[in-house]
PDB file of N, CA and C in Angstrom:
ATOM      1  N   ASP A   1      47.596  -7.620 168.204  1.00  0.00           N
ATOM      2  CA  ASP A   1      47.455  -6.214 168.506  1.00  0.00           C
ATOM      3  C   ASP A   1      46.057  -5.916 169.067  1.00  0.00           C
ATOM      4  N   ARG A   2      45.038  -6.476 168.435  1.00  0.00           N
ATOM      5  CA  ARG A   2      43.663  -6.249 168.888  1.00  0.00           C
ATOM      6  C   ARG A   2      43.459  -6.795 170.291  1.00  0.00           C
ATOM      7  N   THR A   3      43.980  -7.968 170.553  1.00  0.00           N
ATOM      8  CA  THR A   3      43.835  -8.579 171.873  1.00  0.00           C
ATOM      9  C   THR A   3      44.541  -7.747 172.937  1.00  0.00           C
ATOM     10  N   ALA A   4      45.717  -7.262 172.630  1.00  0.00           N
ATOM     11  CA  ALA A   4      46.464  -6.443 173.592  1.00  0.00           C
ATOM     12  C   ALA A   4      45.713  -5.155 173.907  1.00  0.00           C
ATOM     13  N   LYS A   5      45.148  -4.531 172.889  1.00  0.00           N
ATOM     14  CA  LYS A   5      44.398  -3.285 173.107  1.00  0.00           C
ATOM     15  C   LYS A   5      43.120  -3.546 173.896  1.00  0.00           C
ATOM     16  N   TRP A   6      42.451  -4.637 173.596  1.00  0.00           N
ATOM     17  CA  TRP A   6      41.231  -4.975 174.333  1.00  0.00           C
ATOM     18  C   TRP A   6      41.552  -5.240 175.804  1.00  0.00           C
ATOM     19  N   ASN A   7      42.611  -5.972 176.059  1.00  0.00           N
ATOM     20  CA  ASN A   7      43.022  -6.245 177.438  1.00  0.00           C
ATOM     21  C   ASN A   7      43.401  -4.958 178.165  1.00  0.00           C
ATOM     22  N   ALA A   8      44.058  -4.036 177.460  1.00  0.00           N
ATOM     23  CA  ALA A   8      44.411  -2.750 178.070  1.00  0.00           C
ATOM     24  C   ALA A   8      43.152  -1.976 178.439  1.00  0.00           C
ATOM     25  N   PHE A   9      42.154  -1.998 177.572  1.00  0.00           N
ATOM     26  CA  PHE A   9      40.888  -1.326 177.871  1.00  0.00           C
ATOM     27  C   PHE A   9      40.238  -1.922 179.113  1.00  0.00           C
ATOM     28  N   ARG A  10      40.209  -3.239 179.196  1.00  0.00           N
ATOM     29  CA  ARG A  10      39.564  -3.902 180.335  1.00  0.00           C
ATOM     30  C   ARG A  10      40.251  -3.599 181.655  1.00  0.00           C
ATOM     31  N   GLU A  11      41.500  -3.187 181.614  1.00  0.00           N
ATOM     32  CA  GLU A  11      42.252  -2.883 182.831  1.00  0.00           C
ATOM     33  C   GLU A  11      42.170  -1.415 183.246  1.00  0.00           C
ATOM     34  N   THR A  12      41.536  -0.561 182.457  1.00  0.00           N
ATOM     35  CA  THR A  12      41.449   0.854 182.822  1.00  0.00           C
ATOM     36  C   THR A  12      40.576   1.033 184.057  1.00  0.00           C
ATOM     37  N   PRO A  13      40.942   1.976 184.919  1.00  0.00           N
ATOM     38  CA  PRO A  13      40.149   2.220 186.130  1.00  0.00           C
ATOM     39  C   PRO A  13      38.699   2.608 185.826  1.00  0.00           C
ATOM     40  N   GLU A  14      38.490   3.354 184.753  1.00  0.00           N
ATOM     41  CA  GLU A  14      37.128   3.766 184.408  1.00  0.00           C
ATOM     42  C   GLU A  14      36.245   2.563 184.090  1.00  0.00           C
ATOM     43  N   TRP A  15      36.782   1.626 183.309  1.00  0.00           N
ATOM     44  CA  TRP A  15      36.004   0.437 182.958  1.00  0.00           C
ATOM     45  C   TRP A  15      35.744  -0.422 184.187  1.00  0.00           C
ATOM     46  N   LYS A  16      36.755  -0.595 185.010  1.00  0.00           N
ATOM     47  CA  LYS A  16      36.576  -1.396 186.225  1.00  0.00           C
ATOM     48  C   LYS A  16      35.493  -0.791 187.118  1.00  0.00           C
ATOM     49  N   LYS A  17      35.473   0.532 187.211  1.00  0.00           N
ATOM     50  CA  LYS A  17      34.466   1.204 188.030  1.00  0.00           C
ATOM     51  C   LYS A  17      33.070   0.979 187.454  1.00  0.00           C
ATOM     52  N   LEU A  18      32.921   1.183 186.144  1.00  0.00           N
ATOM     53  CA  LEU A  18      31.609   1.000 185.511  1.00  0.00           C
ATOM     54  C   LEU A  18      31.154  -0.451 185.542  1.00  0.00           C
ATOM     55  N   SER A  19      32.039  -1.366 185.225  1.00  0.00           N
ATOM     56  CA  SER A  19      31.638  -2.770 185.155  1.00  0.00           C
ATOM     57  C   SER A  19      31.307  -3.345 186.527  1.00  0.00           C
ATOM     58  N   GLY A  20      31.821  -2.722 187.582  1.00  0.00           N
ATOM     59  CA  GLY A  20      31.530  -3.195 188.926  1.00  0.00           C
ATOM     60  C   GLY A  20      30.363  -2.486 189.593  1.00  0.00           C
ATOM     61  N   ALA A  21      29.794  -1.504 188.908  1.00  0.00           N
ATOM     62  CA  ALA A  21      28.694  -0.730 189.491  1.00  0.00           C
ATOM     63  C   ALA A  21      27.431  -1.583 189.598  1.00  0.00           C
ATOM     64  N   PRO A  22      26.749  -1.538 190.731  1.00  0.00           N
ATOM     65  CA  PRO A  22      25.510  -2.315 190.911  1.00  0.00           C
ATOM     66  C   PRO A  22      24.455  -2.010 189.845  1.00  0.00           C
ATOM     67  N   ARG A  23      24.470  -0.795 189.349  1.00  0.00           N
ATOM     68  CA  ARG A  23      23.505  -0.388 188.316  1.00  0.00           C
ATOM     69  C   ARG A  23      23.585  -1.278 187.071  1.00  0.00           C
ATOM     70  N   TYR A  24      24.782  -1.764 186.771  1.00  0.00           N
ATOM     71  CA  TYR A  24      24.996  -2.563 185.563  1.00  0.00           C
ATOM     72  C   TYR A  24      25.198  -4.046 185.852  1.00  0.00           C
ATOM     73  N   ALA A  25      24.899  -4.495 187.037  1.00  0.00           N
ATOM     74  CA  ALA A  25      25.182  -5.871 187.443  1.00  0.00           C
ATOM     75  C   ALA A  25      24.532  -6.914 186.535  1.00  0.00           C
ATOM     76  N   PHE A  26      23.367  -6.623 185.995  1.00  0.00           N
ATOM     77  CA  PHE A  26      22.662  -7.617 185.182  1.00  0.00           C
ATOM     78  C   PHE A  26      22.627  -7.260 183.700  1.00  0.00           C
ATOM     79  N   GLU A  27      23.379  -6.260 183.317  1.00  0.00           N
ATOM     80  CA  GLU A  27      23.428  -5.861 181.911  1.00  0.00           C
ATOM     81  C   GLU A  27      24.433  -6.740 181.167  1.00  0.00           C
ATOM     82  N   SER A  28      23.982  -7.405 180.119  1.00  0.00           N
ATOM     83  CA  SER A  28      24.870  -8.319 179.395  1.00  0.00           C
ATOM     84  C   SER A  28      25.993  -7.586 178.675  1.00  0.00           C
ATOM     85  N   ILE A  29      25.805  -6.313 178.359  1.00  0.00           N
ATOM     86  CA  ILE A  29      26.875  -5.571 177.686  1.00  0.00           C
ATOM     87  C   ILE A  29      28.083  -5.375 178.603  1.00  0.00           C
ATOM     88  N   VAL A  30      27.853  -5.445 179.902  1.00  0.00           N
ATOM     89  CA  VAL A  30      28.935  -5.289 180.874  1.00  0.00           C
ATOM     90  C   VAL A  30      29.396  -6.633 181.420  1.00  0.00           C
ATOM     91  N   SER A  31      28.460  -7.520 181.689  1.00  0.00           N
ATOM     92  CA  SER A  31      28.810  -8.768 182.364  1.00  0.00           C
ATOM     93  C   SER A  31      29.211  -9.897 181.425  1.00  0.00           C
ATOM     94  N   ASN A  32      28.908  -9.790 180.148  1.00  0.00           N
ATOM     95  CA  ASN A  32      29.215 -10.866 179.213  1.00  0.00           C
ATOM     96  C   ASN A  32      29.713 -10.271 177.903  1.00  0.00           C
ATOM     97  N   ILE A  33      30.972  -9.917 177.871  1.00  0.00           N
ATOM     98  CA  ILE A  33      31.541  -9.279 176.694  1.00  0.00           C
ATOM     99  C   ILE A  33      31.943 -10.350 175.686  1.00  0.00           C
ATOM    100  N   THR A  34      31.493 -10.173 174.459  1.00  0.00           N
ATOM    101  CA  THR A  34      31.877 -11.078 173.380  1.00  0.00           C
ATOM    102  C   THR A  34      32.521 -10.275 172.264  1.00  0.00           C
ATOM    103  N   ASN A  35      33.196 -10.951 171.392  1.00  0.00           N
ATOM    104  CA  ASN A  35      33.892 -10.307 170.296  1.00  0.00           C
ATOM    105  C   ASN A  35      33.442 -10.966 169.000  1.00  0.00           C
ATOM    106  N   LEU A  36      32.920 -10.178 168.100  1.00  0.00           N
ATOM    107  CA  LEU A  36      32.442 -10.688 166.825  1.00  0.00           C
ATOM    108  C   LEU A  36      32.995  -9.804 165.720  1.00  0.00           C
ATOM    109  N   ILE A  37      33.752 -10.379 164.818  1.00  0.00           N
ATOM    110  CA  ILE A  37      34.337  -9.632 163.712  1.00  0.00           C
ATOM    111  C   ILE A  37      33.560  -9.984 162.451  1.00  0.00           C
ATOM    112  N   LEU A  38      33.029  -8.967 161.815  1.00  0.00           N
ATOM    113  CA  LEU A  38      32.230  -9.163 160.610  1.00  0.00           C
ATOM    114  C   LEU A  38      33.057  -8.846 159.373  1.00  0.00           C
ATOM    115  N   SER A  39      32.796  -9.564 158.303  1.00  0.00           N
ATOM    116  CA  SER A  39      33.446  -9.312 157.020  1.00  0.00           C
ATOM    117  C   SER A  39      32.371  -9.051 155.981  1.00  0.00           C
ATOM    118  N   PRO A  40      32.583  -8.061 155.116  1.00  0.00           N
ATOM    119  CA  PRO A  40      31.564  -7.768 154.107  1.00  0.00           C
ATOM    120  C   PRO A  40      31.460  -8.895 153.073  1.00  0.00           C
ATOM    121  N   THR A  41      30.274  -9.068 152.548  1.00  0.00           N
ATOM    122  CA  THR A  41      30.061 -10.051 151.486  1.00  0.00           C
ATOM    123  C   THR A  41      30.465  -9.442 150.148  1.00  0.00           C
ATOM    124  N   THR A  42      30.495 -10.249 149.115  1.00  0.00           N
ATOM    125  CA  THR A  42      30.894  -9.752 147.797  1.00  0.00           C
ATOM    126  C   THR A  42      29.911  -8.722 147.258  1.00  0.00           C
ATOM    127  N   TYR A  43      28.655  -8.790 147.665  1.00  0.00           N
ATOM    128  CA  TYR A  43      27.657  -7.837 147.179  1.00  0.00           C
ATOM    129  C   TYR A  43      27.459  -6.649 148.115  1.00  0.00           C
ATOM    130  N   SER A  44      28.253  -6.562 149.165  1.00  0.00           N
ATOM    131  CA  SER A  44      28.151  -5.465 150.118  1.00  0.00           C
ATOM    132  C   SER A  44      28.676  -4.170 149.507  1.00  0.00           C
ATOM    133  N   GLN A  45      28.130  -3.056 149.937  1.00  0.00           N
ATOM    134  CA  GLN A  45      28.585  -1.754 149.454  1.00  0.00           C
ATOM    135  C   GLN A  45      29.759  -1.217 150.270  1.00  0.00           C
ATOM    136  N   ILE A  46      30.211  -1.998 151.215  1.00  0.00           N
ATOM    137  CA  ILE A  46      31.345  -1.558 152.039  1.00  0.00           C
ATOM    138  C   ILE A  46      32.635  -1.785 151.294  1.00  0.00           C
TER     139      ILE A  46
END
């Protein structure tokens, strides 16, 4: 489910426009998307 939603987001016209903008060409948040899922530790307050 998460993968399908992420792929749907990447295909939106708004994202394609922003990610292709020269202004963001060297920004790693746009050009190198990674996925990291965190889990709370036993002593976490979450």
